[in-house]
């Protein structure tokens, strides 16, 4: 019996030494950075803007892997079930962390399967329409939506995404009825509005602003109550005639639950170092996105508790359902 106990203790000690050695050598191979949206959307732009600097901070190449679909749940599921070794990371928004689990109890992952590392960006949404609609203001939009309930179609990057909930909040406050048309990514949603297949979107700044500048979309307002320094030429919702409306969204870095604390800290330090690079800040600012990092992984985790209550409360109040 004593021999068995000795061998068991020896085995556990060896495993602990091996784990410590692996943690100390992390990273020693390329990093996979998974995002839940198609190329060209806001999440993709954020990931590619910071990936080179992030890789340099870690000393390893970083491969951005787009896994769009199911409102970014596919990407979250991949990372949630990946080995907790720091080599498979996730850039996620509230949709996959708070909203989709609240909308769909059949998901194969839980928020607890993902460990928070740090917030990386925040930005407003931009409410934009196809110029051919003749809609030129928020009051115009409300009037047209109420005149023909359900006739206006709004495009989003997926069910439960921030653009989806931005439109849901708009309907909740104004009583306007519009039809949701989800796509597999922000760029596809924007293309549908430009083509006239849908009429409007509450899109992310990086997806919308280049098309507004080219005259292919008409921006009505940002989703925050007041004007945003990120998009200074657009009115906030108060100025646009809807003072009750206020919405801002974020992207953050996550790892599989159970990732060793020392590895989490290395990912955190490298992420913060990358996001503080002037070139990264400038690239994102041009897209209407602001760098916003958390003081620590623990601070980000605490933030998610209250933030999740807001998004889940909105889902319930607006009666958002899985489509």
Protein backbone atom coordinates (compact mmCIF):
# COMPACT_ATOMS: atom_id res chain seq x y z
CA UNK A 1 0.00 0.00 0.00
CA UNK A 2 2.81 2.38 0.94
CA UNK A 3 4.57 1.56 -2.33
CA UNK A 4 1.40 2.46 -4.32
CA UNK A 5 1.07 5.73 -2.41
CA UNK A 6 4.73 6.52 -3.03
CA UNK A 7 4.42 5.83 -6.76
CA UNK A 8 1.26 7.96 -6.94
CA UNK A 9 2.97 10.85 -5.16
CA UNK A 10 5.98 10.47 -7.43
CA UNK A 11 3.75 10.57 -10.49
CA UNK A 12 1.94 13.69 -9.29
CA UNK A 13 5.23 15.40 -8.55
CA UNK A 14 6.54 14.55 -12.00
CA UNK A 15 3.37 15.87 -13.61
CA UNK A 16 3.67 19.09 -11.63
CA UNK A 17 7.28 19.53 -12.71
CA UNK A 18 6.34 18.88 -16.36
CA UNK A 19 3.45 21.37 -16.16
CA UNK A 20 5.69 24.00 -14.59
CA UNK A 21 8.30 23.46 -17.29
CA UNK A 22 5.70 23.80 -20.03
CA UNK A 23 4.39 27.01 -18.46
CA UNK A 24 7.89 28.42 -18.12
CA UNK A 25 8.63 27.72 -21.80
CA UNK A 26 5.33 29.22 -23.03
CA UNK A 27 5.02 30.05 -25.82
CA UNK A 28 7.23 27.85 -27.96
CA UNK A 29 5.01 27.49 -31.04
CA UNK A 30 2.57 29.65 -33.06
CA UNK A 31 -0.60 31.02 -31.42
CA UNK A 32 -4.06 30.54 -32.96
CA UNK A 33 -6.32 33.60 -32.51
CA UNK A 34 -9.93 32.65 -33.24
CA UNK A 35 -12.63 35.19 -34.08
CA UNK A 36 -16.30 34.48 -34.69
CA UNK A 37 -16.92 36.65 -37.71
CA UNK A 38 -16.03 36.70 -41.40
CA UNK A 39 -13.06 38.64 -42.81
CA UNK A 40 -13.64 42.36 -43.21
CA UNK A 41 -15.84 42.85 -40.15
CA UNK A 42 -14.96 44.75 -36.99
CA UNK A 43 -13.65 41.75 -35.03
CA UNK A 44 -11.45 40.76 -37.97
CA UNK A 45 -10.10 44.30 -38.29
CA UNK A 46 -9.31 44.46 -34.56
CA UNK A 47 -7.60 41.05 -34.61
CA UNK A 48 -5.46 41.81 -37.63
CA UNK A 49 -4.55 45.29 -36.38
CA UNK A 50 -3.05 43.89 -33.18
CA UNK A 51 -1.88 40.41 -34.18
CA UNK A 52 1.62 41.36 -35.40
CA UNK A 53 2.39 43.41 -32.30
CA UNK A 54 0.85 40.70 -30.13
CA UNK A 55 3.01 38.05 -31.76
CA UNK A 56 6.15 40.13 -31.30
CA UNK A 57 5.32 40.60 -27.61
CA UNK A 58 4.96 36.81 -27.22
CA UNK A 59 7.88 35.95 -29.46
CA UNK A 60 5.79 33.67 -31.68
CA UNK A 61 3.70 34.07 -34.87
CA UNK A 62 -0.02 34.65 -34.38
CA UNK A 63 -2.45 33.15 -36.91
CA UNK A 64 -5.88 34.82 -37.13
CA UNK A 65 -8.53 32.13 -37.73
CA UNK A 66 -12.00 33.27 -38.84
CA UNK A 67 -14.77 30.90 -37.71
CA UNK A 68 -18.01 32.76 -38.49
CA UNK A 69 -21.51 31.55 -37.75
CA UNK A 70 -24.17 31.21 -35.08
CA UNK A 71 -23.65 34.75 -33.82
CA UNK A 72 -19.97 33.96 -33.06
CA UNK A 73 -20.89 30.90 -30.95
CA UNK A 74 -18.95 28.53 -33.23
CA UNK A 75 -15.68 30.32 -32.47
CA UNK A 76 -16.43 30.49 -28.74
CA UNK A 77 -17.20 26.76 -28.70
CA UNK A 78 -13.91 25.94 -30.45
CA UNK A 79 -11.87 27.85 -27.89
CA UNK A 80 -13.94 26.68 -24.91
CA UNK A 81 -13.07 23.07 -25.78
CA UNK A 82 -9.45 23.67 -26.81
CA UNK A 83 -6.58 22.51 -24.58
CA UNK A 84 -6.05 25.11 -21.82
CA UNK A 85 -2.44 25.71 -22.77
CA UNK A 86 -2.51 29.26 -24.15
CA UNK A 87 -2.14 28.28 -27.80
CA UNK A 88 -5.80 28.79 -28.79
CA UNK A 89 -7.19 32.23 -27.93
CA UNK A 90 -10.47 34.02 -28.62
CA UNK A 91 -11.36 37.59 -29.40
CA UNK A 92 -15.02 37.90 -28.44
CA UNK A 93 -17.79 40.45 -27.93
CA UNK A 94 -20.76 40.35 -25.55
CA UNK A 95 -22.65 38.20 -28.07
CA UNK A 96 -20.69 35.00 -27.40
CA UNK A 97 -19.93 35.69 -23.74
CA UNK A 98 -23.30 36.84 -22.40
CA UNK A 99 -26.00 37.05 -25.06
CA UNK A 100 -25.88 33.74 -26.94
CA UNK A 101 -25.82 31.61 -23.77
CA UNK A 102 -28.91 33.53 -22.62
CA UNK A 103 -30.64 33.04 -25.98
CA UNK A 104 -29.76 29.42 -26.62
CA UNK A 105 -29.62 26.86 -23.80
CA UNK A 106 -28.57 24.21 -26.33
CA UNK A 107 -25.10 25.69 -26.82
CA UNK A 108 -22.24 23.25 -26.27
CA UNK A 109 -20.33 25.71 -24.09
CA UNK A 110 -21.00 27.87 -21.03
CA UNK A 111 -19.51 31.30 -20.27
CA UNK A 112 -17.61 29.61 -17.44
CA UNK A 113 -15.75 27.53 -20.06
CA UNK A 114 -13.95 30.71 -21.15
CA UNK A 115 -11.56 32.64 -18.93
CA UNK A 116 -11.36 36.42 -19.19
CA UNK A 117 -7.98 37.97 -19.95
CA UNK A 118 -8.63 41.62 -20.82
CA UNK A 119 -10.92 43.98 -22.65
CA UNK A 120 -9.14 45.29 -25.76
CA UNK A 121 -11.45 47.82 -27.48
CA UNK A 122 -14.69 49.75 -27.06
CA UNK A 123 -16.69 51.65 -29.66
CA UNK A 124 -20.18 52.84 -30.50
CA UNK A 125 -22.34 51.31 -33.18
CA UNK A 126 -23.25 53.44 -36.18
CA UNK A 127 -26.86 53.56 -37.39
CA UNK A 128 -26.65 53.75 -41.18
CA UNK A 129 -29.13 53.41 -44.04
CA UNK A 130 -29.06 52.88 -47.77
CA UNK A 131 -29.32 56.41 -49.26
CA UNK A 132 -32.04 55.21 -51.66
CA UNK A 133 -34.45 54.78 -48.72
CA UNK A 134 -34.89 58.54 -48.46
CA UNK A 135 -34.37 58.28 -44.70
CA UNK A 136 -32.21 61.19 -43.55
CA UNK A 137 -32.70 61.28 -39.77
CA UNK A 138 -33.74 59.25 -36.73
CA UNK A 139 -37.27 60.77 -36.79
CA UNK A 140 -37.52 59.81 -40.49
CA UNK A 141 -36.56 56.23 -39.64
CA UNK A 142 -39.05 55.96 -36.80
CA UNK A 143 -41.84 57.42 -38.93
CA UNK A 144 -41.19 55.07 -41.85
CA UNK A 145 -40.91 52.01 -39.59
CA UNK A 146 -44.22 52.85 -37.91
CA UNK A 147 -45.94 53.62 -41.22
CA UNK A 148 -45.11 50.15 -42.62
CA UNK A 149 -44.40 47.83 -39.65
CA UNK A 150 -41.92 45.09 -40.54
CA UNK A 151 -41.22 46.40 -44.04
CA UNK A 152 -37.79 47.82 -43.22
CA UNK A 153 -35.13 45.12 -43.01
CA UNK A 154 -32.05 45.61 -40.84
CA UNK A 155 -28.88 43.61 -41.41
CA UNK A 156 -26.62 42.37 -38.62
CA UNK A 157 -23.56 40.20 -38.09
CA UNK A 158 -25.70 37.46 -36.54
CA UNK A 159 -28.38 36.60 -34.04
CA UNK A 160 -27.49 37.97 -30.60
CA UNK A 161 -24.74 40.23 -31.97
CA UNK A 162 -24.31 43.81 -30.76
CA UNK A 163 -25.87 45.18 -33.98
CA UNK A 164 -28.87 42.89 -33.45
CA UNK A 165 -29.33 44.09 -29.90
CA UNK A 166 -28.74 47.68 -30.95
CA UNK A 167 -31.74 47.41 -33.26
CA UNK A 168 -33.74 45.53 -30.60
CA UNK A 169 -33.14 48.36 -28.13
CA UNK A 170 -34.18 50.87 -30.79
CA UNK A 171 -37.45 49.03 -31.31
CA UNK A 172 -38.01 48.68 -27.59
CA UNK A 173 -37.65 52.43 -27.01
CA UNK A 174 -39.44 53.74 -30.11
CA UNK A 175 -42.03 51.04 -30.81
CA UNK A 176 -40.73 50.78 -34.38
CA UNK A 177 -41.15 47.32 -35.94
CA UNK A 178 -38.40 46.20 -38.32
CA UNK A 179 -37.37 42.79 -39.66
CA UNK A 180 -34.05 41.24 -38.62
CA UNK A 181 -31.86 39.72 -41.36
CA UNK A 182 -28.76 38.06 -39.82
CA UNK A 183 -25.56 37.39 -41.76
CA UNK A 184 -22.36 35.50 -40.94
CA UNK A 185 -20.35 38.67 -40.44
CA UNK A 186 -20.43 42.45 -40.36
CA UNK A 187 -18.96 42.92 -43.83
CA UNK A 188 -21.66 40.72 -45.39
CA UNK A 189 -24.37 42.65 -43.53
CA UNK A 190 -23.00 45.97 -44.76
CA UNK A 191 -22.81 44.68 -48.33
CA UNK A 192 -26.50 43.75 -48.15
CA UNK A 193 -27.46 47.29 -47.12
CA UNK A 194 -25.37 48.81 -49.90
CA UNK A 195 -26.98 46.43 -52.41
CA UNK A 196 -30.46 47.35 -51.22
CA UNK A 197 -31.28 43.81 -50.10
CA UNK A 198 -31.73 45.31 -46.63
CA UNK A 199 -32.30 48.95 -45.77
CA UNK A 200 -30.30 49.70 -42.63
CA UNK A 201 -27.89 48.45 -40.01
CA UNK A 202 -26.67 49.23 -36.52
CA UNK A 203 -23.18 48.33 -37.68
CA UNK A 204 -19.79 48.41 -36.05
CA UNK A 205 -17.72 51.50 -36.82
CA UNK A 206 -14.96 49.65 -38.75
CA UNK A 207 -17.57 47.99 -40.98
CA UNK A 208 -19.69 51.08 -41.64
CA UNK A 209 -17.46 54.15 -41.75
CA UNK A 210 -15.49 53.34 -44.95
CA UNK A 211 -18.79 52.95 -46.81
CA UNK A 212 -20.18 56.17 -45.33
CA UNK A 213 -17.07 58.01 -46.50
CA UNK A 214 -17.59 56.61 -49.98
CA UNK A 215 -21.21 57.71 -50.10
CA UNK A 216 -22.54 54.17 -50.29
CA UNK A 217 -24.21 54.44 -46.89
CA UNK A 218 -25.75 57.37 -45.01
CA UNK A 219 -24.93 57.47 -41.30
CA UNK A 220 -27.63 58.92 -39.06
CA UNK A 221 -26.06 58.74 -35.59
CA UNK A 222 -23.79 56.83 -33.25
CA UNK A 223 -25.37 54.56 -30.65
CA UNK A 224 -24.05 56.44 -27.61
CA UNK A 225 -26.21 59.13 -26.00
CA UNK A 226 -23.64 61.85 -26.68
CA UNK A 227 -21.29 62.39 -29.61
CA UNK A 228 -18.26 60.11 -29.63
CA UNK A 229 -14.74 61.47 -30.03
CA UNK A 230 -14.12 58.39 -32.16
CA UNK A 231 -16.72 59.52 -34.74
CA UNK A 232 -16.90 63.29 -34.14
CA UNK A 233 -18.84 64.14 -37.28
CA UNK A 234 -21.90 62.11 -36.27
CA UNK A 235 -24.50 63.16 -33.69
CA UNK A 236 -25.16 61.11 -30.59
CA UNK A 237 -28.66 59.77 -29.99
CA UNK A 238 -29.67 62.69 -27.76
CA UNK A 239 -28.79 65.20 -30.48
CA UNK A 240 -30.43 62.98 -33.12
CA UNK A 241 -33.73 63.03 -31.22
CA UNK A 242 -33.65 59.86 -29.11
CA UNK A 243 -32.16 60.79 -25.69
CA UNK A 244 -33.25 57.53 -24.02
CA UNK A 245 -30.98 55.46 -26.25
CA UNK A 246 -27.42 54.57 -25.22
CA UNK A 247 -25.33 51.57 -26.30
CA UNK A 248 -21.62 50.79 -26.52
CA UNK A 249 -19.90 47.48 -27.19
CA UNK A 250 -16.48 45.94 -26.66
CA UNK A 251 -14.12 43.19 -27.76
CA UNK A 252 -12.02 41.19 -25.32
CA UNK A 253 -9.40 38.45 -25.15
CA UNK A 254 -10.31 35.04 -23.69
CA UNK A 255 -8.60 31.68 -23.13
CA UNK A 256 -10.04 28.24 -22.27
CA UNK A 257 -10.95 27.86 -18.60
CA UNK A 258 -8.22 26.08 -16.66
CA UNK A 259 -5.36 27.81 -18.46
CA UNK A 260 -2.47 28.13 -15.95
CA UNK A 261 -2.37 31.55 -14.24
CA UNK A 262 1.20 32.16 -15.39
CA UNK A 263 0.14 31.61 -19.01
CA UNK A 264 -2.90 33.86 -18.59
CA UNK A 265 -0.59 36.55 -17.26
CA UNK A 266 1.75 36.23 -20.26
CA UNK A 267 -1.21 36.52 -22.64
CA UNK A 268 -2.48 39.54 -20.68
CA UNK A 269 0.91 41.29 -20.68
CA UNK A 270 1.42 40.65 -24.41
CA UNK A 271 -2.10 41.86 -25.24
CA UNK A 272 -1.66 45.08 -23.27
CA UNK A 273 1.75 45.66 -24.85
CA UNK A 274 0.29 45.19 -28.33
CA UNK A 275 -2.73 47.41 -27.74
CA UNK A 276 -0.52 50.22 -26.43
CA UNK A 277 1.54 50.37 -29.62
CA UNK A 278 0.96 53.76 -31.33
CA UNK A 279 0.53 52.05 -34.71
CA UNK A 280 -2.21 49.77 -33.36
CA UNK A 281 -4.01 52.66 -31.63
CA UNK A 282 -3.83 54.77 -34.78
CA UNK A 283 -5.08 51.95 -37.04
CA UNK A 284 -8.08 51.30 -34.80
CA UNK A 285 -8.84 55.00 -34.27
CA UNK A 286 -9.14 55.40 -38.04
CA UNK A 287 -11.87 52.77 -37.88
CA UNK A 288 -13.78 54.46 -35.05
CA UNK A 289 -12.54 52.05 -32.39
CA UNK A 290 -10.79 52.95 -29.14
CA UNK A 291 -8.19 50.85 -27.34
CA UNK A 292 -9.48 50.00 -23.86
CA UNK A 293 -7.55 47.46 -21.78
CA UNK A 294 -8.46 46.15 -18.33
CA UNK A 295 -6.31 46.73 -15.25
CA UNK A 296 -5.99 42.95 -14.82
CA UNK A 297 -7.71 39.70 -15.81
CA UNK A 298 -9.54 39.87 -12.47
CA UNK A 299 -10.79 43.38 -13.24
CA UNK A 300 -12.10 42.26 -16.64
CA UNK A 301 -13.83 39.27 -15.05
CA UNK A 302 -15.53 41.59 -12.55
CA UNK A 303 -16.59 43.94 -15.36
CA UNK A 304 -18.21 41.03 -17.21
CA UNK A 305 -20.53 40.28 -14.30
CA UNK A 306 -22.30 43.65 -14.45
CA UNK A 307 -21.98 43.96 -18.23
CA UNK A 308 -23.60 40.56 -18.69
CA UNK A 309 -26.59 41.67 -16.62
CA UNK A 310 -27.14 44.60 -19.01
CA UNK A 311 -27.05 42.49 -22.18
CA UNK A 312 -29.13 39.64 -20.78
CA UNK A 313 -31.64 42.16 -19.42
CA UNK A 314 -31.90 43.71 -22.88
CA UNK A 315 -32.43 40.28 -24.45
CA UNK A 316 -35.33 39.61 -22.08
CA UNK A 317 -36.87 43.08 -22.27
CA UNK A 318 -36.77 43.12 -26.08
CA UNK A 319 -37.94 39.48 -26.24
CA UNK A 320 -35.05 38.57 -28.55
CA UNK A 321 -35.26 34.93 -29.64
CA UNK A 322 -33.03 32.47 -31.48
CA UNK A 323 -34.02 32.53 -35.14
